[in-house]
């Protein structure tokens, strides 16, 4: 065989192998991102111009998250937050709008204590979505009701739902991302 014939065989084989490697890498990355972000993966894909763009965005979130100093809570701090939540939950009966606002503040405080930056809702959601992609929709829903509540436009049922939503993320943050340790509201 001549060199030209060998190159005519080897080059297409190398190109096909390289293409297969890229496809395998993208498939592996997609699977990993889907598992890590859960429903947030599909939400991001729907909001992006393309799946590739969405996956770049999610990878950038991971990179930012890896640079944060997220830490578990000491037992006494965890207990204090748990007691604070019990107080906020008890406040709901007499002052539901105040309780929802206080729940939002308590979740934000807990995020800060764990090491999450708390500047701006959009960035908080992006940062939380890396480890809490399955509960981040709870936070969005609760925050929407909190916004309505500030205008006195939320119903009691919406406020109750907001407390349940805040509780889902609160429990996850309190338990350092593992299964919640407390009963749901």
C-alpha atoms as a PDB file:
ATOM      1  CA  UNK A   1       0.000   0.000   0.000  1.00  0.00           C
ATOM      2  CA  UNK A   2       1.143   3.440  -0.776  1.00  0.00           C
ATOM      3  CA  UNK A   3       1.335   6.282   1.685  1.00  0.00           C
ATOM      4  CA  UNK A   4      -1.542   8.018  -0.082  1.00  0.00           C
ATOM      5  CA  UNK A   5      -3.771   4.966   0.270  1.00  0.00           C
ATOM      6  CA  UNK A   6      -2.890   4.588   3.948  1.00  0.00           C
ATOM      7  CA  UNK A   7      -3.691   8.242   4.574  1.00  0.00           C
ATOM      8  CA  UNK A   8      -6.961   7.868   2.682  1.00  0.00           C
ATOM      9  CA  UNK A   9      -7.914   5.098   5.113  1.00  0.00           C
ATOM     10  CA  UNK A  10      -6.425   6.462   8.336  1.00  0.00           C
ATOM     11  CA  UNK A  11      -7.704  10.068   8.104  1.00  0.00           C
ATOM     12  CA  UNK A  12     -11.417   9.150   7.765  1.00  0.00           C
ATOM     13  CA  UNK A  13     -11.054   6.578  10.566  1.00  0.00           C
ATOM     14  CA  UNK A  14      -9.458   9.211  12.841  1.00  0.00           C
ATOM     15  CA  UNK A  15     -12.161  11.745  11.946  1.00  0.00           C
ATOM     16  CA  UNK A  16     -14.925   9.215  12.693  1.00  0.00           C
ATOM     17  CA  UNK A  17     -13.291   8.239  16.011  1.00  0.00           C
ATOM     18  CA  UNK A  18     -12.895  11.904  16.960  1.00  0.00           C
ATOM     19  CA  UNK A  19     -16.554  12.553  16.104  1.00  0.00           C
ATOM     20  CA  UNK A  20     -17.625   9.564  18.185  1.00  0.00           C
ATOM     21  CA  UNK A  21     -15.506  10.800  21.098  1.00  0.00           C
ATOM     22  CA  UNK A  22     -17.132  14.243  20.925  1.00  0.00           C
ATOM     23  CA  UNK A  23     -20.613  12.720  20.779  1.00  0.00           C
ATOM     24  CA  UNK A  24     -19.806  10.442  23.726  1.00  0.00           C
ATOM     25  CA  UNK A  25     -18.398  13.353  25.734  1.00  0.00           C
ATOM     26  CA  UNK A  26     -21.449  15.534  25.049  1.00  0.00           C
ATOM     27  CA  UNK A  27     -23.766  12.649  25.903  1.00  0.00           C
ATOM     28  CA  UNK A  28     -21.934  11.997  29.165  1.00  0.00           C
ATOM     29  CA  UNK A  29     -21.970  15.716  30.048  1.00  0.00           C
ATOM     30  CA  UNK A  30     -25.693  15.967  29.243  1.00  0.00           C
ATOM     31  CA  UNK A  31     -26.477  12.960  31.436  1.00  0.00           C
ATOM     32  CA  UNK A  32     -24.371  14.325  34.303  1.00  0.00           C
ATOM     33  CA  UNK A  33     -25.991  17.756  34.082  1.00  0.00           C
ATOM     34  CA  UNK A  34     -29.487  16.245  33.946  1.00  0.00           C
ATOM     35  CA  UNK A  35     -28.786  14.180  37.049  1.00  0.00           C
ATOM     36  CA  UNK A  36     -27.222  17.051  38.952  1.00  0.00           C
ATOM     37  CA  UNK A  37     -29.729  19.768  38.086  1.00  0.00           C
ATOM     38  CA  UNK A  38     -32.899  17.678  37.837  1.00  0.00           C
ATOM     39  CA  UNK A  39     -35.880  19.730  36.645  1.00  0.00           C
ATOM     40  CA  UNK A  40     -33.677  22.831  36.478  1.00  0.00           C
ATOM     41  CA  UNK A  41     -31.894  21.247  33.497  1.00  0.00           C
ATOM     42  CA  UNK A  42     -35.061  21.205  31.360  1.00  0.00           C
ATOM     43  CA  UNK A  43     -36.091  24.652  32.563  1.00  0.00           C
ATOM     44  CA  UNK A  44     -32.718  26.052  31.507  1.00  0.00           C
ATOM     45  CA  UNK A  45     -32.865  24.298  28.128  1.00  0.00           C
ATOM     46  CA  UNK A  46     -36.340  25.739  27.510  1.00  0.00           C
ATOM     47  CA  UNK A  47     -35.120  29.239  28.351  1.00  0.00           C
ATOM     48  CA  UNK A  48     -31.919  29.075  26.302  1.00  0.00           C
ATOM     49  CA  UNK A  49     -31.474  29.416  22.577  1.00  0.00           C
ATOM     50  CA  UNK A  50     -30.140  25.856  22.308  1.00  0.00           C
ATOM     51  CA  UNK A  51     -29.354  22.796  24.395  1.00  0.00           C
ATOM     52  CA  UNK A  52     -25.632  23.473  23.982  1.00  0.00           C
ATOM     53  CA  UNK A  53     -26.069  27.049  25.242  1.00  0.00           C
ATOM     54  CA  UNK A  54     -28.080  25.796  28.225  1.00  0.00           C
ATOM     55  CA  UNK A  55     -25.424  23.223  29.049  1.00  0.00           C
ATOM     56  CA  UNK A  56     -22.725  25.885  28.907  1.00  0.00           C
ATOM     57  CA  UNK A  57     -24.790  27.971  31.312  1.00  0.00           C
ATOM     58  CA  UNK A  58     -25.222  25.052  33.710  1.00  0.00           C
ATOM     59  CA  UNK A  59     -21.508  24.250  33.518  1.00  0.00           C
ATOM     60  CA  UNK A  60     -20.726  27.897  34.321  1.00  0.00           C
ATOM     61  CA  UNK A  61     -23.014  27.643  37.359  1.00  0.00           C
ATOM     62  CA  UNK A  62     -21.082  24.592  38.496  1.00  0.00           C
ATOM     63  CA  UNK A  63     -17.774  26.386  38.071  1.00  0.00           C
ATOM     64  CA  UNK A  64     -18.983  29.403  40.091  1.00  0.00           C
ATOM     65  CA  UNK A  65     -20.452  27.119  42.741  1.00  0.00           C
ATOM     66  CA  UNK A  66     -17.160  25.233  43.057  1.00  0.00           C
ATOM     67  CA  UNK A  67     -15.442  28.536  43.872  1.00  0.00           C
ATOM     68  CA  UNK A  68     -17.845  29.255  46.761  1.00  0.00           C
ATOM     69  CA  UNK A  69     -17.081  28.259  50.325  1.00  0.00           C
ATOM     70  CA  UNK A  70     -20.263  26.285  51.056  1.00  0.00           C
ATOM     71  CA  UNK A  71     -20.046  24.738  54.480  1.00  0.00           C
ATOM     72  CA  UNK A  72     -22.192  22.570  56.752  1.00  0.00           C
ATOM     73  CA  UNK A  73     -23.717  24.118  59.822  1.00  0.00           C
ATOM     74  CA  UNK A  74     -22.534  23.346  63.333  1.00  0.00           C
ATOM     75  CA  UNK A  75     -25.173  21.542  65.400  1.00  0.00           C
ATOM     76  CA  UNK A  76     -25.964  24.531  67.634  1.00  0.00           C
ATOM     77  CA  UNK A  77     -26.486  26.827  64.622  1.00  0.00           C
ATOM     78  CA  UNK A  78     -28.678  24.209  62.942  1.00  0.00           C
ATOM     79  CA  UNK A  79     -30.768  23.958  66.111  1.00  0.00           C
ATOM     80  CA  UNK A  80     -31.115  27.754  66.317  1.00  0.00           C
ATOM     81  CA  UNK A  81     -32.374  27.892  62.720  1.00  0.00           C
ATOM     82  CA  UNK A  82     -34.769  25.057  63.412  1.00  0.00           C
ATOM     83  CA  UNK A  83     -36.184  26.975  66.387  1.00  0.00           C
ATOM     84  CA  UNK A  84     -36.387  30.149  64.303  1.00  0.00           C
ATOM     85  CA  UNK A  85     -38.393  28.265  61.679  1.00  0.00           C
ATOM     86  CA  UNK A  86     -40.777  26.984  64.350  1.00  0.00           C
ATOM     87  CA  UNK A  87     -41.339  30.591  65.408  1.00  0.00           C
ATOM     88  CA  UNK A  88     -41.954  31.770  61.846  1.00  0.00           C
ATOM     89  CA  UNK A  89     -44.346  28.909  61.253  1.00  0.00           C
ATOM     90  CA  UNK A  90     -46.240  29.735  64.461  1.00  0.00           C
ATOM     91  CA  UNK A  91     -46.522  33.358  63.349  1.00  0.00           C
ATOM     92  CA  UNK A  92     -48.488  32.246  60.267  1.00  0.00           C
ATOM     93  CA  UNK A  93     -51.774  31.802  62.149  1.00  0.00           C
ATOM     94  CA  UNK A  94     -52.076  35.438  63.197  1.00  0.00           C
ATOM     95  CA  UNK A  95     -49.928  37.216  60.586  1.00  0.00           C
ATOM     96  CA  UNK A  96     -49.561  35.112  57.419  1.00  0.00           C
ATOM     97  CA  UNK A  97     -48.054  37.882  55.264  1.00  0.00           C
ATOM     98  CA  UNK A  98     -45.452  38.678  57.921  1.00  0.00           C
ATOM     99  CA  UNK A  99     -44.699  34.976  58.321  1.00  0.00           C
ATOM    100  CA  UNK A 100     -44.018  34.589  54.589  1.00  0.00           C
ATOM    101  CA  UNK A 101     -41.717  37.624  54.612  1.00  0.00           C
ATOM    102  CA  UNK A 102     -39.943  36.257  57.674  1.00  0.00           C
ATOM    103  CA  UNK A 103     -39.630  32.829  56.036  1.00  0.00           C
ATOM    104  CA  UNK A 104     -37.977  34.484  53.029  1.00  0.00           C
ATOM    105  CA  UNK A 105     -35.584  36.356  55.321  1.00  0.00           C
ATOM    106  CA  UNK A 106     -34.806  33.208  57.294  1.00  0.00           C
ATOM    107  CA  UNK A 107     -34.041  31.210  54.133  1.00  0.00           C
ATOM    108  CA  UNK A 108     -31.798  34.030  52.896  1.00  0.00           C
ATOM    109  CA  UNK A 109     -30.028  34.163  56.262  1.00  0.00           C
ATOM    110  CA  UNK A 110     -29.539  30.392  56.213  1.00  0.00           C
ATOM    111  CA  UNK A 111     -28.102  30.598  52.699  1.00  0.00           C
ATOM    112  CA  UNK A 112     -25.653  33.274  53.829  1.00  0.00           C
ATOM    113  CA  UNK A 113     -24.674  31.215  56.893  1.00  0.00           C
ATOM    114  CA  UNK A 114     -23.939  28.207  54.662  1.00  0.00           C
ATOM    115  CA  UNK A 115     -21.722  30.376  52.419  1.00  0.00           C
ATOM    116  CA  UNK A 116     -24.001  31.206  49.499  1.00  0.00           C
ATOM    117  CA  UNK A 117     -23.827  34.769  48.202  1.00  0.00           C
ATOM    118  CA  UNK A 118     -27.230  36.420  48.599  1.00  0.00           C
ATOM    119  CA  UNK A 119     -27.025  39.288  46.130  1.00  0.00           C
ATOM    120  CA  UNK A 120     -30.030  39.327  43.805  1.00  0.00           C
ATOM    121  CA  UNK A 121     -32.702  36.677  43.398  1.00  0.00           C
ATOM    122  CA  UNK A 122     -31.524  35.530  39.966  1.00  0.00           C
ATOM    123  CA  UNK A 123     -27.991  34.860  41.184  1.00  0.00           C
ATOM    124  CA  UNK A 124     -29.249  33.161  44.368  1.00  0.00           C
ATOM    125  CA  UNK A 125     -31.333  30.810  42.230  1.00  0.00           C
ATOM    126  CA  UNK A 126     -28.419  30.117  39.891  1.00  0.00           C
ATOM    127  CA  UNK A 127     -26.106  29.339  42.833  1.00  0.00           C
ATOM    128  CA  UNK A 128     -28.643  27.189  44.657  1.00  0.00           C
ATOM    129  CA  UNK A 129     -29.603  25.269  41.517  1.00  0.00           C
ATOM    130  CA  UNK A 130     -26.258  23.460  41.453  1.00  0.00           C
ATOM    131  CA  UNK A 131     -26.895  21.487  44.646  1.00  0.00           C
ATOM    132  CA  UNK A 132     -30.627  22.034  45.037  1.00  0.00           C
ATOM    133  CA  UNK A 133     -31.960  21.729  41.487  1.00  0.00           C
ATOM    134  CA  UNK A 134     -34.838  19.554  42.625  1.00  0.00           C
ATOM    135  CA  UNK A 135     -36.125  22.086  45.168  1.00  0.00           C
ATOM    136  CA  UNK A 136     -35.256  25.378  43.509  1.00  0.00           C
ATOM    137  CA  UNK A 137     -38.713  25.587  41.919  1.00  0.00           C
ATOM    138  CA  UNK A 138     -40.103  25.715  45.467  1.00  0.00           C
ATOM    139  CA  UNK A 139     -37.988  28.809  46.084  1.00  0.00           C
ATOM    140  CA  UNK A 140     -39.189  30.467  42.879  1.00  0.00           C
ATOM    141  CA  UNK A 141     -42.827  29.762  43.719  1.00  0.00           C
ATOM    142  CA  UNK A 142     -42.470  30.984  47.310  1.00  0.00           C
ATOM    143  CA  UNK A 143     -40.715  34.153  46.205  1.00  0.00           C
ATOM    144  CA  UNK A 144     -43.487  34.928  43.680  1.00  0.00           C
ATOM    145  CA  UNK A 145     -46.085  34.679  46.440  1.00  0.00           C
ATOM    146  CA  UNK A 146     -43.902  36.809  48.717  1.00  0.00           C
ATOM    147  CA  UNK A 147     -43.868  39.496  46.015  1.00  0.00           C
ATOM    148  CA  UNK A 148     -47.685  39.336  45.790  1.00  0.00           C
ATOM    149  CA  UNK A 149     -47.883  39.455  49.559  1.00  0.00           C
ATOM    150  CA  UNK A 150     -45.887  42.674  49.699  1.00  0.00           C
ATOM    151  CA  UNK A 151     -48.635  44.234  47.555  1.00  0.00           C
ATOM    152  CA  UNK A 152     -51.322  42.574  49.729  1.00  0.00           C
ATOM    153  CA  UNK A 153     -52.487  40.558  46.702  1.00  0.00           C
ATOM    154  CA  UNK A 154     -51.824  37.017  47.928  1.00  0.00           C
ATOM    155  CA  UNK A 155     -54.607  34.789  49.183  1.00  0.00           C
ATOM    156  CA  UNK A 156     -54.288  32.874  52.432  1.00  0.00           C
ATOM    157  CA  UNK A 157     -53.990  29.656  50.427  1.00  0.00           C
ATOM    158  CA  UNK A 158     -51.153  31.132  48.337  1.00  0.00           C
ATOM    159  CA  UNK A 159     -49.417  32.252  51.537  1.00  0.00           C
ATOM    160  CA  UNK A 160     -49.803  28.770  53.024  1.00  0.00           C
ATOM    161  CA  UNK A 161     -48.338  27.300  49.841  1.00  0.00           C
ATOM    162  CA  UNK A 162     -45.416  29.747  50.041  1.00  0.00           C
ATOM    163  CA  UNK A 163     -44.627  28.543  53.554  1.00  0.00           C
ATOM    164  CA  UNK A 164     -44.603  24.934  52.324  1.00  0.00           C
ATOM    165  CA  UNK A 165     -42.333  25.936  49.432  1.00  0.00           C
ATOM    166  CA  UNK A 166     -39.936  27.866  51.673  1.00  0.00           C
ATOM    167  CA  UNK A 167     -39.896  24.905  54.061  1.00  0.00           C
ATOM    168  CA  UNK A 168     -38.767  22.521  51.302  1.00  0.00           C
ATOM    169  CA  UNK A 169     -35.654  24.568  50.553  1.00  0.00           C
ATOM    170  CA  UNK A 170     -35.121  25.462  54.220  1.00  0.00           C
ATOM    171  CA  UNK A 171     -35.056  21.775  55.209  1.00  0.00           C
ATOM    172  CA  UNK A 172     -32.630  20.942  52.433  1.00  0.00           C
ATOM    173  CA  UNK A 173     -30.296  23.806  53.324  1.00  0.00           C
ATOM    174  CA  UNK A 174     -30.538  23.007  57.013  1.00  0.00           C
ATOM    175  CA  UNK A 175     -29.637  19.366  56.440  1.00  0.00           C
ATOM    176  CA  UNK A 176     -26.667  20.355  54.254  1.00  0.00           C
ATOM    177  CA  UNK A 177     -28.356  19.141  51.068  1.00  0.00           C
ATOM    178  CA  UNK A 178     -29.285  15.713  52.354  1.00  0.00           C
ATOM    179  CA  UNK A 179     -32.823  14.524  53.023  1.00  0.00           C
ATOM    180  CA  UNK A 180     -34.811  16.910  55.196  1.00  0.00           C
ATOM    181  CA  UNK A 181     -34.811  16.163  58.899  1.00  0.00           C
ATOM    182  CA  UNK A 182     -38.080  17.890  59.715  1.00  0.00           C
ATOM    183  CA  UNK A 183     -41.693  17.207  58.901  1.00  0.00           C
ATOM    184  CA  UNK A 184     -43.164  19.354  56.148  1.00  0.00           C
ATOM    185  CA  UNK A 185     -45.348  22.332  57.078  1.00  0.00           C
END
